[in-house]
């Protein structure tokens, strides 16, 4: 299974259905918190160093898969710090701002 296939699988599992690759994640029913959680799942499963903002700047399966398969999302280095998801909206917003720098 390629990394692009793994991304498709993770997104579709979260939604519980097959997703048109050009459909915007928000139009598909995901909200900001779901995208942040999905980001955590994708990066931990695939071992990528992908900023959480990529979920918003690459807002559909085709764009996100292209980002990952074109090598623009480097593998996370061993020992790279992973932060758990925050429990509040404030924590999530702070994480988005910090990762977007």
N, C-alpha and C. Protein backbone atom coordinates (compact mmCIF):
# COMPACT_ATOMS: atom_id res chain seq x y z
N UNK A 1 0.86 -1.18 0.00
CA UNK A 1 0.00 0.00 0.00
C UNK A 1 0.90 1.25 0.00
N UNK A 2 0.63 2.15 -0.91
CA UNK A 2 1.41 3.39 -0.98
C UNK A 2 0.96 4.35 0.11
N UNK A 3 1.76 5.39 0.33
CA UNK A 3 1.37 6.41 1.31
C UNK A 3 0.08 7.10 0.89
N UNK A 4 -0.09 7.35 -0.41
CA UNK A 4 -1.31 7.98 -0.90
C UNK A 4 -2.52 7.09 -0.62
N UNK A 5 -2.37 5.78 -0.83
CA UNK A 5 -3.46 4.84 -0.54
C UNK A 5 -3.78 4.84 0.95
N UNK A 6 -2.74 4.93 1.78
CA UNK A 6 -2.94 4.94 3.23
C UNK A 6 -3.70 6.19 3.66
N UNK A 7 -3.39 7.34 3.05
CA UNK A 7 -4.10 8.58 3.37
C UNK A 7 -5.57 8.44 3.00
N UNK A 8 -5.84 7.93 1.79
CA UNK A 8 -7.22 7.72 1.35
C UNK A 8 -7.95 6.81 2.33
N UNK A 9 -7.31 5.73 2.72
CA UNK A 9 -7.92 4.78 3.65
C UNK A 9 -8.24 5.42 5.00
N UNK A 10 -7.31 6.21 5.54
CA UNK A 10 -7.53 6.86 6.84
C UNK A 10 -8.67 7.87 6.77
N UNK A 11 -8.72 8.65 5.70
CA UNK A 11 -9.78 9.66 5.56
C UNK A 11 -11.13 8.97 5.39
N UNK A 12 -11.19 7.98 4.53
CA UNK A 12 -12.46 7.30 4.28
C UNK A 12 -12.93 6.50 5.48
N UNK A 13 -12.00 5.96 6.26
CA UNK A 13 -12.40 5.26 7.48
C UNK A 13 -13.03 6.24 8.48
N UNK A 14 -12.45 7.43 8.57
CA UNK A 14 -13.00 8.44 9.48
C UNK A 14 -14.40 8.86 9.04
N UNK A 15 -14.59 9.02 7.73
CA UNK A 15 -15.89 9.42 7.20
C UNK A 15 -16.90 8.27 7.15
N UNK A 16 -16.38 7.06 7.04
CA UNK A 16 -17.27 5.90 6.95
C UNK A 16 -17.83 5.69 5.56
N UNK A 17 -17.17 6.28 4.55
CA UNK A 17 -17.63 6.13 3.17
C UNK A 17 -16.51 6.49 2.21
N UNK A 18 -16.71 6.11 0.95
CA UNK A 18 -15.76 6.46 -0.10
C UNK A 18 -15.90 7.95 -0.39
N UNK A 19 -14.77 8.60 -0.65
CA UNK A 19 -14.77 10.05 -0.86
C UNK A 19 -14.25 10.39 -2.25
N UNK A 20 -14.95 11.27 -2.94
CA UNK A 20 -14.48 11.80 -4.22
C UNK A 20 -13.16 12.51 -3.95
N UNK A 21 -12.10 12.22 -4.71
CA UNK A 21 -10.79 12.80 -4.41
C UNK A 21 -10.72 14.32 -4.56
N UNK A 22 -11.69 14.91 -5.26
CA UNK A 22 -11.68 16.36 -5.45
C UNK A 22 -12.65 17.09 -4.52
N UNK A 23 -13.38 16.35 -3.69
CA UNK A 23 -14.33 16.97 -2.77
C UNK A 23 -13.59 17.55 -1.57
N UNK A 24 -13.86 18.81 -1.28
CA UNK A 24 -13.26 19.50 -0.13
C UNK A 24 -13.62 18.75 1.15
N UNK A 25 -12.64 18.63 2.05
CA UNK A 25 -12.87 17.92 3.31
C UNK A 25 -14.06 18.51 4.08
N UNK A 26 -14.21 19.81 4.08
CA UNK A 26 -15.32 20.44 4.80
C UNK A 26 -16.65 20.07 4.15
N UNK A 27 -16.70 20.07 2.82
CA UNK A 27 -17.92 19.69 2.11
C UNK A 27 -18.26 18.23 2.33
N UNK A 28 -17.24 17.42 2.62
CA UNK A 28 -17.44 16.00 2.88
C UNK A 28 -17.98 15.74 4.29
N UNK A 29 -17.94 16.77 5.14
CA UNK A 29 -18.49 16.62 6.48
C UNK A 29 -17.47 16.68 7.60
N UNK A 30 -16.20 16.89 7.27
CA UNK A 30 -15.19 17.03 8.32
C UNK A 30 -15.12 18.47 8.79
N UNK A 31 -14.87 18.68 10.07
CA UNK A 31 -14.69 20.03 10.59
C UNK A 31 -13.22 20.21 10.98
N UNK A 32 -12.89 21.39 11.48
CA UNK A 32 -11.50 21.70 11.81
C UNK A 32 -10.90 20.73 12.81
N UNK A 33 -11.64 20.40 13.84
CA UNK A 33 -11.13 19.48 14.86
C UNK A 33 -10.89 18.10 14.25
N UNK A 34 -11.81 17.64 13.41
CA UNK A 34 -11.63 16.34 12.75
C UNK A 34 -10.39 16.34 11.87
N UNK A 35 -10.11 17.47 11.20
CA UNK A 35 -8.91 17.55 10.36
C UNK A 35 -7.64 17.52 11.20
N UNK A 36 -7.67 18.17 12.34
CA UNK A 36 -6.49 18.15 13.23
C UNK A 36 -6.27 16.73 13.75
N UNK A 37 -7.34 16.05 14.13
CA UNK A 37 -7.22 14.66 14.59
C UNK A 37 -6.75 13.75 13.46
N UNK A 38 -7.26 13.98 12.26
CA UNK A 38 -6.85 13.20 11.11
C UNK A 38 -5.37 13.44 10.79
N UNK A 39 -4.92 14.68 10.93
CA UNK A 39 -3.51 15.01 10.74
C UNK A 39 -2.65 14.18 11.69
N UNK A 40 -3.04 14.12 12.93
CA UNK A 40 -2.28 13.35 13.92
C UNK A 40 -2.22 11.88 13.53
N UNK A 41 -3.34 11.35 13.06
CA UNK A 41 -3.38 9.95 12.66
C UNK A 41 -2.51 9.70 11.43
N UNK A 42 -2.57 10.58 10.45
CA UNK A 42 -1.78 10.43 9.23
C UNK A 42 -0.28 10.52 9.54
N UNK A 43 0.11 11.53 10.31
CA UNK A 43 1.54 11.71 10.58
C UNK A 43 2.10 10.59 11.44
N UNK A 44 1.33 10.12 12.40
CA UNK A 44 1.83 9.03 13.25
C UNK A 44 1.84 7.70 12.50
N UNK A 45 0.84 7.45 11.68
CA UNK A 45 0.77 6.20 10.93
C UNK A 45 1.84 6.13 9.85
N UNK A 46 2.03 7.23 9.13
CA UNK A 46 2.96 7.24 8.01
C UNK A 46 4.36 7.73 8.39
N UNK A 47 4.51 8.25 9.61
CA UNK A 47 5.81 8.75 10.04
C UNK A 47 6.26 9.98 9.30
N UNK A 48 5.32 10.86 8.97
CA UNK A 48 5.64 12.08 8.22
C UNK A 48 5.74 13.28 9.13
N UNK A 49 6.54 14.24 8.72
CA UNK A 49 6.61 15.53 9.38
C UNK A 49 5.80 16.49 8.52
N UNK A 50 4.52 16.54 8.77
CA UNK A 50 3.58 17.31 7.97
C UNK A 50 2.93 18.35 8.87
N UNK A 51 3.04 19.63 8.53
CA UNK A 51 2.40 20.63 9.39
C UNK A 51 0.88 20.47 9.35
N UNK A 52 0.24 20.73 10.45
CA UNK A 52 -1.22 20.58 10.52
C UNK A 52 -1.90 21.50 9.51
N UNK A 53 -1.27 22.60 9.17
CA UNK A 53 -1.87 23.53 8.20
C UNK A 53 -2.00 22.90 6.82
N UNK A 54 -1.25 21.85 6.53
CA UNK A 54 -1.36 21.17 5.24
C UNK A 54 -2.76 20.60 5.03
N UNK A 55 -3.44 20.28 6.11
CA UNK A 55 -4.80 19.75 6.01
C UNK A 55 -5.76 20.81 5.49
N UNK A 56 -5.40 22.06 5.66
CA UNK A 56 -6.25 23.17 5.23
C UNK A 56 -5.79 23.75 3.89
N UNK A 57 -4.49 23.72 3.63
CA UNK A 57 -3.97 24.25 2.37
C UNK A 57 -4.04 23.22 1.24
N UNK A 58 -4.24 21.97 1.60
CA UNK A 58 -4.42 20.87 0.64
C UNK A 58 -5.75 20.20 1.03
N UNK A 59 -6.88 20.84 0.70
CA UNK A 59 -8.17 20.52 1.31
C UNK A 59 -8.97 19.38 0.71
N UNK A 60 -8.32 18.51 -0.07
CA UNK A 60 -9.04 17.34 -0.57
C UNK A 60 -8.04 16.20 -0.73
N UNK A 61 -8.55 15.01 -0.99
CA UNK A 61 -7.68 13.83 -1.06
C UNK A 61 -6.63 13.95 -2.17
N UNK A 62 -7.04 14.48 -3.31
CA UNK A 62 -6.09 14.58 -4.42
C UNK A 62 -4.91 15.49 -4.06
N UNK A 63 -5.21 16.67 -3.52
CA UNK A 63 -4.16 17.63 -3.17
C UNK A 63 -3.27 17.10 -2.04
N UNK A 64 -3.87 16.52 -1.02
CA UNK A 64 -3.09 16.00 0.11
C UNK A 64 -2.22 14.82 -0.31
N UNK A 65 -2.79 13.92 -1.10
CA UNK A 65 -2.01 12.78 -1.59
C UNK A 65 -0.86 13.24 -2.47
N UNK A 66 -1.11 14.25 -3.30
CA UNK A 66 -0.05 14.79 -4.16
C UNK A 66 1.08 15.37 -3.32
N UNK A 67 0.73 16.12 -2.29
CA UNK A 67 1.73 16.69 -1.39
C UNK A 67 2.62 15.59 -0.81
N UNK A 68 1.99 14.54 -0.35
CA UNK A 68 2.72 13.46 0.31
C UNK A 68 3.55 12.66 -0.69
N UNK A 69 3.00 12.33 -1.85
CA UNK A 69 3.72 11.49 -2.80
C UNK A 69 4.81 12.24 -3.56
N UNK A 70 4.75 13.55 -3.60
CA UNK A 70 5.78 14.32 -4.30
C UNK A 70 6.99 14.59 -3.41
N UNK A 71 6.98 14.00 -2.22
CA UNK A 71 8.14 14.12 -1.35
C UNK A 71 8.25 15.46 -0.64
N UNK A 72 7.16 16.22 -0.65
CA UNK A 72 7.18 17.52 0.01
C UNK A 72 6.87 17.40 1.50
N UNK A 73 6.49 16.22 1.92
CA UNK A 73 6.24 15.97 3.34
C UNK A 73 7.33 15.02 3.83
N UNK A 74 8.40 15.56 4.41
CA UNK A 74 9.53 14.72 4.80
C UNK A 74 9.19 13.77 5.94
N UNK A 75 9.91 12.68 5.97
CA UNK A 75 9.75 11.72 7.07
C UNK A 75 10.22 12.38 8.36
N UNK A 76 9.53 12.07 9.44
CA UNK A 76 9.89 12.62 10.74
C UNK A 76 11.19 11.98 11.19
N UNK A 77 12.05 12.76 11.76
CA UNK A 77 13.32 12.25 12.27
C UNK A 77 13.08 11.51 13.57
N UNK A 78 13.85 10.46 13.80
CA UNK A 78 13.74 9.78 15.09
C UNK A 78 14.00 10.78 16.20
N UNK A 79 13.22 10.72 17.21
CA UNK A 79 13.39 11.64 18.33
C UNK A 79 12.66 12.96 18.14
N UNK A 80 12.01 13.14 16.99
CA UNK A 80 11.25 14.37 16.79
C UNK A 80 10.11 14.39 17.79
N UNK A 81 9.87 15.55 18.34
CA UNK A 81 8.85 15.68 19.38
C UNK A 81 7.47 15.60 18.76
N UNK A 82 6.63 14.72 19.30
CA UNK A 82 5.23 14.63 18.90
C UNK A 82 4.40 15.08 20.08
N UNK A 83 3.48 15.98 19.79
CA UNK A 83 2.61 16.46 20.85
C UNK A 83 1.26 15.78 20.77
N UNK A 84 0.70 15.39 21.91
CA UNK A 84 -0.65 14.83 21.87
C UNK A 84 -1.65 15.93 21.52
N UNK A 85 -2.77 15.51 20.98
CA UNK A 85 -3.82 16.48 20.66
C UNK A 85 -4.31 17.13 21.94
N UNK A 86 -4.54 18.43 21.89
CA UNK A 86 -5.11 19.14 23.03
C UNK A 86 -6.57 18.81 23.17
N UNK A 87 -7.09 18.97 24.36
CA UNK A 87 -8.49 18.64 24.59
C UNK A 87 -9.45 19.78 24.34
N UNK A 88 -8.96 21.00 24.29
CA UNK A 88 -9.87 22.12 24.11
C UNK A 88 -9.63 22.79 22.76
N UNK A 89 -10.59 23.57 22.34
CA UNK A 89 -10.45 24.31 21.09
C UNK A 89 -9.26 25.26 21.16
N UNK A 90 -9.04 25.84 22.32
CA UNK A 90 -7.91 26.76 22.49
C UNK A 90 -6.59 26.03 22.23
N UNK A 91 -6.47 24.80 22.75
CA UNK A 91 -5.26 24.01 22.53
C UNK A 91 -5.07 23.71 21.04
N UNK A 92 -6.16 23.34 20.37
CA UNK A 92 -6.09 23.01 18.95
C UNK A 92 -5.71 24.23 18.14
N UNK A 93 -6.33 25.38 18.44
CA UNK A 93 -6.00 26.61 17.71
C UNK A 93 -4.54 27.01 17.93
N UNK A 94 -4.06 26.85 19.13
CA UNK A 94 -2.66 27.20 19.41
C UNK A 94 -1.73 26.27 18.62
N UNK A 95 -2.08 25.02 18.53
CA UNK A 95 -1.27 24.07 17.76
C UNK A 95 -1.26 24.42 16.28
N UNK A 96 -2.40 24.80 15.75
CA UNK A 96 -2.48 25.19 14.34
C UNK A 96 -1.61 26.41 14.09
N UNK A 97 -1.71 27.41 14.97
CA UNK A 97 -0.89 28.62 14.80
C UNK A 97 0.59 28.29 14.86
N UNK A 98 0.98 27.46 15.83
CA UNK A 98 2.39 27.13 16.01
C UNK A 98 2.92 26.32 14.82
N UNK A 99 2.16 25.33 14.34
CA UNK A 99 2.60 24.51 13.23
C UNK A 99 2.61 25.27 11.91
N UNK A 100 1.86 26.36 11.84
CA UNK A 100 1.78 27.14 10.61
C UNK A 100 2.92 28.10 10.41
N UNK A 101 3.81 28.23 11.36
CA UNK A 101 4.93 29.17 11.24
C UNK A 101 5.97 28.69 10.29
